C-alpha cells in the first residue's frame, strides 16, 4: 500500500492506492475507522483482481477535520 496526500477541494486528504491491474475499486471506510484497516480484512480478497483506491475521510485516519464534514452532502461530494 502506498499513501500520499492529494488536494481535495482545498483540503489535504490522505489517499491510499494498491496499484494492481484491473478495474478501479474505491473502498470507503465507516465512521471511527480509517483506510489502513482494510489491510487485513477486505483487501486480501480484492487486491489481486482490482486497482484499489481508498482514502481517509475528513476527520478520520491521516486526514484532518474541517467544518461541515459530518453532513451527508459533504461526504458525498468528498467521495465523488
PDB file of N, CA and C in Angstrom:
ATOM      1  N   UNK A   1       0.850  -1.171   0.000  1.00  0.00           N
ATOM      2  CA  UNK A   1       0.000   0.000   0.000  1.00  0.00           C
ATOM      3  C   UNK A   1       0.888   1.224   0.000  1.00  0.00           C
ATOM      4  N   UNK A   2       0.542   2.187  -0.815  1.00  0.00           N
ATOM      5  CA  UNK A   2       1.260   3.449  -0.784  1.00  0.00           C
ATOM      6  C   UNK A   2       0.264   4.553  -0.472  1.00  0.00           C
ATOM      7  N   UNK A   3       0.643   5.429   0.424  1.00  0.00           N
ATOM      8  CA  UNK A   3      -0.220   6.530   0.795  1.00  0.00           C
ATOM      9  C   UNK A   3       0.397   7.847   0.381  1.00  0.00           C
ATOM     10  N   UNK A   4      -0.463   8.783   0.015  1.00  0.00           N
ATOM     11  CA  UNK A   4       0.006  10.119  -0.334  1.00  0.00           C
ATOM     12  C   UNK A   4      -1.127  11.099  -0.061  1.00  0.00           C
ATOM     13  N   UNK A   5      -0.774  12.365   0.033  1.00  0.00           N
ATOM     14  CA  UNK A   5      -1.779  13.398   0.219  1.00  0.00           C
ATOM     15  C   UNK A   5      -2.138  14.005  -1.128  1.00  0.00           C
ATOM     16  N   UNK A   6      -3.424  14.218  -1.331  1.00  0.00           N
ATOM     17  CA  UNK A   6      -3.915  14.895  -2.524  1.00  0.00           C
ATOM     18  C   UNK A   6      -4.786  16.064  -2.077  1.00  0.00           C
ATOM     19  N   UNK A   7      -4.831  17.100  -2.895  1.00  0.00           N
ATOM     20  CA  UNK A   7      -5.669  18.253  -2.608  1.00  0.00           C
ATOM     21  C   UNK A   7      -7.077  17.947  -3.086  1.00  0.00           C
ATOM     22  N   UNK A   8      -8.005  17.928  -2.162  1.00  0.00           N
ATOM     23  CA  UNK A   8      -9.400  17.646  -2.485  1.00  0.00           C
ATOM     24  C   UNK A   8     -10.227  18.847  -2.062  1.00  0.00           C
ATOM     25  N   UNK A   9     -10.589  19.664  -3.028  1.00  0.00           N
ATOM     26  CA  UNK A   9     -11.365  20.880  -2.748  1.00  0.00           C
ATOM     27  C   UNK A   9     -10.679  21.752  -1.708  1.00  0.00           C
ATOM     28  N   UNK A  10      -9.350  21.896  -1.826  1.00  0.00           N
ATOM     29  CA  UNK A  10      -8.603  22.765  -0.927  1.00  0.00           C
ATOM     30  C   UNK A  10      -8.230  22.143   0.401  1.00  0.00           C
ATOM     31  N   UNK A  11      -8.432  20.846   0.558  1.00  0.00           N
ATOM     32  CA  UNK A  11      -8.138  20.158   1.818  1.00  0.00           C
ATOM     33  C   UNK A  11      -7.212  18.979   1.538  1.00  0.00           C
ATOM     34  N   UNK A  12      -6.162  18.834   2.334  1.00  0.00           N
ATOM     35  CA  UNK A  12      -5.221  17.731   2.164  1.00  0.00           C
ATOM     36  C   UNK A  12      -5.855  16.430   2.658  1.00  0.00           C
ATOM     37  N   UNK A  13      -6.079  15.509   1.734  1.00  0.00           N
ATOM     38  CA  UNK A  13      -6.750  14.242   2.006  1.00  0.00           C
ATOM     39  C   UNK A  13      -5.776  13.100   1.776  1.00  0.00           C
ATOM     40  N   UNK A  14      -5.727  12.169   2.722  1.00  0.00           N
ATOM     41  CA  UNK A  14      -4.794  11.048   2.611  1.00  0.00           C
ATOM     42  C   UNK A  14      -5.424   9.947   1.770  1.00  0.00           C
ATOM     43  N   UNK A  15      -4.760   9.627   0.644  1.00  0.00           N
ATOM     44  CA  UNK A  15      -5.236   8.645  -0.324  1.00  0.00           C
ATOM     45  C   UNK A  15      -4.292   7.454  -0.332  1.00  0.00           C
ATOM     46  N   UNK A  16      -4.863   6.261  -0.352  1.00  0.00           N
ATOM     47  CA  UNK A  16      -4.094   5.027  -0.466  1.00  0.00           C
ATOM     48  C   UNK A  16      -4.376   4.412  -1.827  1.00  0.00           C
ATOM     49  N   UNK A  17      -3.388   3.720  -2.362  1.00  0.00           N
ATOM     50  CA  UNK A  17      -3.568   3.070  -3.655  1.00  0.00           C
ATOM     51  C   UNK A  17      -2.824   1.743  -3.652  1.00  0.00           C
ATOM     52  N   UNK A  18      -3.504   0.712  -4.109  1.00  0.00           N
ATOM     53  CA  UNK A  18      -2.904  -0.603  -4.267  1.00  0.00           C
ATOM     54  C   UNK A  18      -2.849  -0.843  -5.775  1.00  0.00           C
ATOM     55  N   UNK A  19      -1.720  -0.550  -6.398  1.00  0.00           N
ATOM     56  CA  UNK A  19      -1.657  -0.493  -7.867  1.00  0.00           C
ATOM     57  C   UNK A  19      -1.529  -1.848  -8.552  1.00  0.00           C
ATOM     58  N   UNK A  20      -2.607  -2.550  -8.642  1.00  0.00           N
ATOM     59  CA  UNK A  20      -2.656  -3.785  -9.420  1.00  0.00           C
ATOM     60  C   UNK A  20      -3.401  -3.493 -10.717  1.00  0.00           C
ATOM     61  N   UNK A  21      -3.248  -4.364 -11.667  1.00  0.00           N
ATOM     62  CA  UNK A  21      -4.002  -4.231 -12.915  1.00  0.00           C
ATOM     63  C   UNK A  21      -5.463  -4.576 -12.650  1.00  0.00           C
ATOM     64  N   UNK A  22      -6.334  -3.987 -13.420  1.00  0.00           N
ATOM     65  CA  UNK A  22      -7.745  -4.318 -13.306  1.00  0.00           C
ATOM     66  C   UNK A  22      -8.615  -3.089 -13.169  1.00  0.00           C
ATOM     67  N   UNK A  23      -9.896  -3.339 -13.054  1.00  0.00           N
ATOM     68  CA  UNK A  23     -10.873  -2.265 -12.909  1.00  0.00           C
ATOM     69  C   UNK A  23     -10.638  -1.527 -11.596  1.00  0.00           C
ATOM     70  N   UNK A  24     -10.867  -0.207 -11.583  1.00  0.00           N
ATOM     71  CA  UNK A  24     -10.699   0.538 -10.333  1.00  0.00           C
ATOM     72  C   UNK A  24     -11.838   0.263  -9.357  1.00  0.00           C
ATOM     73  N   UNK A  25     -11.493   0.184  -8.077  1.00  0.00           N
ATOM     74  CA  UNK A  25     -12.459  -0.007  -6.997  1.00  0.00           C
ATOM     75  C   UNK A  25     -12.113   0.984  -5.893  1.00  0.00           C
ATOM     76  N   UNK A  26     -13.132   1.652  -5.343  1.00  0.00           N
ATOM     77  CA  UNK A  26     -12.930   2.588  -4.242  1.00  0.00           C
ATOM     78  C   UNK A  26     -13.486   1.971  -2.969  1.00  0.00           C
ATOM     79  N   UNK A  27     -12.638   1.801  -1.955  1.00  0.00           N
ATOM     80  CA  UNK A  27     -13.075   1.308  -0.647  1.00  0.00           C
ATOM     81  C   UNK A  27     -13.390   2.501   0.242  1.00  0.00           C
ATOM     82  N   UNK A  28     -14.576   2.510   0.837  1.00  0.00           N
ATOM     83  CA  UNK A  28     -14.998   3.581   1.740  1.00  0.00           C
ATOM     84  C   UNK A  28     -15.141   3.014   3.143  1.00  0.00           C
ATOM     85  N   UNK A  29     -14.379   3.543   4.085  1.00  0.00           N
ATOM     86  CA  UNK A  29     -14.475   3.063   5.465  1.00  0.00           C
ATOM     87  C   UNK A  29     -15.636   3.727   6.183  1.00  0.00           C
ATOM     88  N   UNK A  30     -16.063   3.129   7.273  1.00  0.00           N
ATOM     89  CA  UNK A  30     -17.142   3.672   8.075  1.00  0.00           C
ATOM     90  C   UNK A  30     -16.640   4.684   9.088  1.00  0.00           C
ATOM     91  N   UNK A  31     -17.537   5.137   9.948  1.00  0.00           N
ATOM     92  CA  UNK A  31     -17.162   6.070  10.991  1.00  0.00           C
ATOM     93  C   UNK A  31     -16.246   5.420  12.012  1.00  0.00           C
ATOM     94  N   UNK A  32     -15.421   6.232  12.644  1.00  0.00           N
ATOM     95  CA  UNK A  32     -14.464   5.780  13.655  1.00  0.00           C
ATOM     96  C   UNK A  32     -13.496   4.744  13.097  1.00  0.00           C
ATOM     97  N   UNK A  33     -13.163   4.863  11.838  1.00  0.00           N
ATOM     98  CA  UNK A  33     -12.255   3.931  11.183  1.00  0.00           C
ATOM     99  C   UNK A  33     -11.313   4.712  10.285  1.00  0.00           C
ATOM    100  N   UNK A  34     -10.493   4.002   9.538  1.00  0.00           N
ATOM    101  CA  UNK A  34      -9.610   4.620   8.559  1.00  0.00           C
ATOM    102  C   UNK A  34      -9.225   3.579   7.520  1.00  0.00           C
ATOM    103  N   UNK A  35      -8.668   4.041   6.414  1.00  0.00           N
ATOM    104  CA  UNK A  35      -8.426   3.165   5.271  1.00  0.00           C
ATOM    105  C   UNK A  35      -7.457   2.036   5.550  1.00  0.00           C
ATOM    106  N   UNK A  36      -6.432   2.253   6.367  1.00  0.00           N
ATOM    107  CA  UNK A  36      -5.473   1.161   6.567  1.00  0.00           C
ATOM    108  C   UNK A  36      -6.058  -0.015   7.347  1.00  0.00           C
ATOM    109  N   UNK A  37      -7.283   0.110   7.844  1.00  0.00           N
ATOM    110  CA  UNK A  37      -7.955  -1.035   8.464  1.00  0.00           C
ATOM    111  C   UNK A  37      -8.359  -2.083   7.424  1.00  0.00           C
ATOM    112  N   UNK A  38      -8.379  -1.707   6.141  1.00  0.00           N
ATOM    113  CA  UNK A  38      -8.692  -2.659   5.079  1.00  0.00           C
ATOM    114  C   UNK A  38      -7.570  -3.671   4.868  1.00  0.00           C
ATOM    115  N   UNK A  39      -6.365  -3.356   5.316  1.00  0.00           N
ATOM    116  CA  UNK A  39      -5.192  -4.202   5.049  1.00  0.00           C
ATOM    117  C   UNK A  39      -5.401  -5.672   5.382  1.00  0.00           C
ATOM    118  N   UNK A  40      -6.101  -5.962   6.458  1.00  0.00           N
ATOM    119  CA  UNK A  40      -6.229  -7.349   6.920  1.00  0.00           C
ATOM    120  C   UNK A  40      -7.650  -7.892   6.806  1.00  0.00           C
ATOM    121  N   UNK A  41      -8.543  -7.110   6.209  1.00  0.00           N
ATOM    122  CA  UNK A  41      -9.929  -7.564   6.114  1.00  0.00           C
ATOM    123  C   UNK A  41     -10.327  -7.766   4.653  1.00  0.00           C
ATOM    124  N   UNK A  42     -10.751  -6.722   3.993  1.00  0.00           N
ATOM    125  CA  UNK A  42     -11.252  -6.805   2.623  1.00  0.00           C
ATOM    126  C   UNK A  42     -10.135  -6.868   1.583  1.00  0.00           C
ATOM    127  N   UNK A  43      -9.061  -6.144   1.809  1.00  0.00           N
ATOM    128  CA  UNK A  43      -8.007  -6.020   0.802  1.00  0.00           C
ATOM    129  C   UNK A  43      -7.465  -7.346   0.275  1.00  0.00           C
ATOM    130  N   UNK A  44      -7.195  -8.343   1.111  1.00  0.00           N
ATOM    131  CA  UNK A  44      -6.671  -9.603   0.569  1.00  0.00           C
ATOM    132  C   UNK A  44      -7.586 -10.254  -0.473  1.00  0.00           C
ATOM    133  N   UNK A  45      -8.881  -9.990  -0.397  1.00  0.00           N
ATOM    134  CA  UNK A  45      -9.826 -10.591  -1.344  1.00  0.00           C
ATOM    135  C   UNK A  45      -9.898  -9.853  -2.677  1.00  0.00           C
ATOM    136  N   UNK A  46      -9.468  -8.595  -2.707  1.00  0.00           N
ATOM    137  CA  UNK A  46      -9.640  -7.805  -3.933  1.00  0.00           C
ATOM    138  C   UNK A  46      -8.345  -7.296  -4.549  1.00  0.00           C
ATOM    139  N   UNK A  47      -7.252  -7.276  -3.795  1.00  0.00           N
ATOM    140  CA  UNK A  47      -6.048  -6.596  -4.279  1.00  0.00           C
ATOM    141  C   UNK A  47      -5.414  -7.242  -5.507  1.00  0.00           C
ATOM    142  N   UNK A  48      -5.635  -8.523  -5.741  1.00  0.00           N
ATOM    143  CA  UNK A  48      -5.057  -9.171  -6.920  1.00  0.00           C
ATOM    144  C   UNK A  48      -5.944  -9.074  -8.154  1.00  0.00           C
ATOM    145  N   UNK A  49      -7.159  -8.574  -7.977  1.00  0.00           N
ATOM    146  CA  UNK A  49      -8.117  -8.525  -9.081  1.00  0.00           C
ATOM    147  C   UNK A  49      -8.431  -7.111  -9.552  1.00  0.00           C
ATOM    148  N   UNK A  50      -8.192  -6.120  -8.696  1.00  0.00           N
ATOM    149  CA  UNK A  50      -8.609  -4.753  -8.983  1.00  0.00           C
ATOM    150  C   UNK A  50      -7.491  -3.757  -8.676  1.00  0.00           C
ATOM    151  N   UNK A  51      -7.624  -2.582  -9.261  1.00  0.00           N
ATOM    152  CA  UNK A  51      -6.778  -1.443  -8.902  1.00  0.00           C
ATOM    153  C   UNK A  51      -7.549  -0.719  -7.799  1.00  0.00           C
ATOM    154  N   UNK A  52      -7.111  -0.860  -6.570  1.00  0.00           N
ATOM    155  CA  UNK A  52      -7.889  -0.446  -5.404  1.00  0.00           C
ATOM    156  C   UNK A  52      -7.435   0.919  -4.889  1.00  0.00           C
ATOM    157  N   UNK A  53      -8.420   1.771  -4.624  1.00  0.00           N
ATOM    158  CA  UNK A  53      -8.181   3.071  -4.014  1.00  0.00           C
ATOM    159  C   UNK A  53      -8.953   3.127  -2.703  1.00  0.00           C
ATOM    160  N   UNK A  54      -8.455   3.890  -1.781  1.00  0.00           N
ATOM    161  CA  UNK A  54      -9.155   4.171  -0.539  1.00  0.00           C
ATOM    162  C   UNK A  54      -8.638   5.498  -0.019  1.00  0.00           C
ATOM    163  N   UNK A  55      -9.433   6.197   0.728  1.00  0.00           N
ATOM    164  CA  UNK A  55      -8.968   7.457   1.310  1.00  0.00           C
ATOM    165  C   UNK A  55      -9.511   7.574   2.722  1.00  0.00           C
ATOM    166  N   UNK A  56      -8.761   8.292   3.541  1.00  0.00           N
ATOM    167  CA  UNK A  56      -9.239   8.579   4.889  1.00  0.00           C
ATOM    168  C   UNK A  56     -10.207   9.745   4.787  1.00  0.00           C
ATOM    169  N   UNK A  57     -11.464   9.476   5.102  1.00  0.00           N
ATOM    170  CA  UNK A  57     -12.474  10.531   5.056  1.00  0.00           C
ATOM    171  C   UNK A  57     -12.074  11.666   5.989  1.00  0.00           C
ATOM    172  N   UNK A  58     -12.570  12.840   5.696  1.00  0.00           N
ATOM    173  CA  UNK A  58     -12.254  14.008   6.512  1.00  0.00           C
ATOM    174  C   UNK A  58     -12.555  13.733   7.978  1.00  0.00           C
ATOM    175  N   UNK A  59     -11.555  14.012   8.823  1.00  0.00           N
ATOM    176  CA  UNK A  59     -11.691  13.788  10.256  1.00  0.00           C
ATOM    177  C   UNK A  59     -11.365  12.371  10.693  1.00  0.00           C
ATOM    178  N   UNK A  60     -10.850  11.546   9.792  1.00  0.00           N
ATOM    179  CA  UNK A  60     -10.514  10.152  10.095  1.00  0.00           C
ATOM    180  C   UNK A  60      -9.082   9.862   9.666  1.00  0.00           C
ATOM    181  N   UNK A  61      -8.440   8.931  10.360  1.00  0.00           N
ATOM    182  CA  UNK A  61      -7.101   8.492   9.966  1.00  0.00           C
ATOM    183  C   UNK A  61      -6.117   9.636   9.846  1.00  0.00           C
ATOM    184  N   UNK A  62      -5.486   9.736   8.672  1.00  0.00           N
ATOM    185  CA  UNK A  62      -4.460  10.748   8.434  1.00  0.00           C
ATOM    186  C   UNK A  62      -4.996  12.026   7.801  1.00  0.00           C
ATOM    187  N   UNK A  63      -6.310  12.132   7.628  1.00  0.00           N
ATOM    188  CA  UNK A  63      -6.919  13.326   7.049  1.00  0.00           C
ATOM    189  C   UNK A  63      -7.523  14.162   8.166  1.00  0.00           C
ATOM    190  N   UNK A  64      -7.132  15.421   8.222  1.00  0.00           N
ATOM    191  CA  UNK A  64      -7.631  16.317   9.262  1.00  0.00           C
ATOM    192  C   UNK A  64      -9.103  16.652   9.088  1.00  0.00           C
ATOM    193  N   UNK A  65      -9.673  17.225  10.126  1.00  0.00           N
ATOM    194  CA  UNK A  65     -11.083  17.601  10.126  1.00  0.00           C
ATOM    195  C   UNK A  65     -11.251  18.974   9.488  1.00  0.00           C
ATOM    196  N   UNK A  66     -12.463  19.271   9.100  1.00  0.00           N
ATOM    197  CA  UNK A  66     -12.813  20.611   8.643  1.00  0.00           C
ATOM    198  C   UNK A  66     -14.295  20.830   8.886  1.00  0.00           C
ATOM    199  N   UNK A  67     -14.733  22.081   9.006  1.00  0.00           N
ATOM    200  CA  UNK A  67     -16.136  22.370   9.306  1.00  0.00           C
ATOM    201  C   UNK A  67     -17.080  21.775   8.262  1.00  0.00           C
ATOM    202  N   UNK A  68     -18.186  21.247   8.738  1.00  0.00           N
ATOM    203  CA  UNK A  68     -19.224  20.719   7.863  1.00  0.00           C
ATOM    204  C   UNK A  68     -19.016  19.295   7.393  1.00  0.00           C
ATOM    205  N   UNK A  69     -17.948  18.652   7.855  1.00  0.00           N
ATOM    206  CA  UNK A  69     -17.604  17.333   7.314  1.00  0.00           C
ATOM    207  C   UNK A  69     -18.541  16.214   7.762  1.00  0.00           C
ATOM    208  N   UNK A  70     -19.403  16.450   8.729  1.00  0.00           N
ATOM    209  CA  UNK A  70     -20.308  15.402   9.199  1.00  0.00           C
ATOM    210  C   UNK A  70     -21.639  15.396   8.453  1.00  0.00           C
ATOM    211  N   UNK A  71     -21.832  16.322   7.521  1.00  0.00           N
ATOM    212  CA  UNK A  71     -23.067  16.358   6.738  1.00  0.00           C
ATOM    213  C   UNK A  71     -22.963  15.393   5.560  1.00  0.00           C
ATOM    214  N   UNK A  72     -24.052  14.719   5.240  1.00  0.00           N
ATOM    215  CA  UNK A  72     -24.050  13.741   4.155  1.00  0.00           C
ATOM    216  C   UNK A  72     -23.670  14.358   2.811  1.00  0.00           C
ATOM    217  N   UNK A  73     -24.117  15.571   2.539  1.00  0.00           N
ATOM    218  CA  UNK A  73     -23.777  16.218   1.269  1.00  0.00           C
ATOM    219  C   UNK A  73     -22.265  16.406   1.152  1.00  0.00           C
ATOM    220  N   UNK A  74     -21.620  16.821   2.238  1.00  0.00           N
ATOM    221  CA  UNK A  74     -20.160  16.974   2.243  1.00  0.00           C
ATOM    222  C   UNK A  74     -19.498  15.630   1.953  1.00  0.00           C
ATOM    223  N   UNK A  75     -19.939  14.582   2.624  1.00  0.00           N
ATOM    224  CA  UNK A  75     -19.336  13.260   2.459  1.00  0.00           C
ATOM    225  C   UNK A  75     -19.556  12.712   1.050  1.00  0.00           C
ATOM    226  N   UNK A  76     -20.707  12.998   0.464  1.00  0.00           N
ATOM    227  CA  UNK A  76     -20.968  12.583  -0.913  1.00  0.00           C
ATOM    228  C   UNK A  76     -20.013  13.282  -1.870  1.00  0.00           C
ATOM    229  N   UNK A  77     -19.901  14.598  -1.732  1.00  0.00           N
ATOM    230  CA  UNK A  77     -19.009  15.362  -2.609  1.00  0.00           C
ATOM    231  C   UNK A  77     -17.559  14.921  -2.443  1.00  0.00           C
ATOM    232  N   UNK A  78     -17.180  14.580  -1.237  1.00  0.00           N
ATOM    233  CA  UNK A  78     -15.814  14.121  -0.975  1.00  0.00           C
ATOM    234  C   UNK A  78     -15.529  12.816  -1.724  1.00  0.00           C
ATOM    235  N   UNK A  79     -16.489  11.930  -1.790  1.00  0.00           N
ATOM    236  CA  UNK A  79     -16.288  10.625  -2.430  1.00  0.00           C
ATOM    237  C   UNK A  79     -16.277  10.715  -3.950  1.00  0.00           C
ATOM    238  N   UNK A  80     -17.048  11.642  -4.507  1.00  0.00           N
ATOM    239  CA  UNK A  80     -17.094  11.722  -5.971  1.00  0.00           C
ATOM    240  C   UNK A  80     -16.059  12.689  -6.460  1.00  0.00           C
TER     241      UNK A  80
END
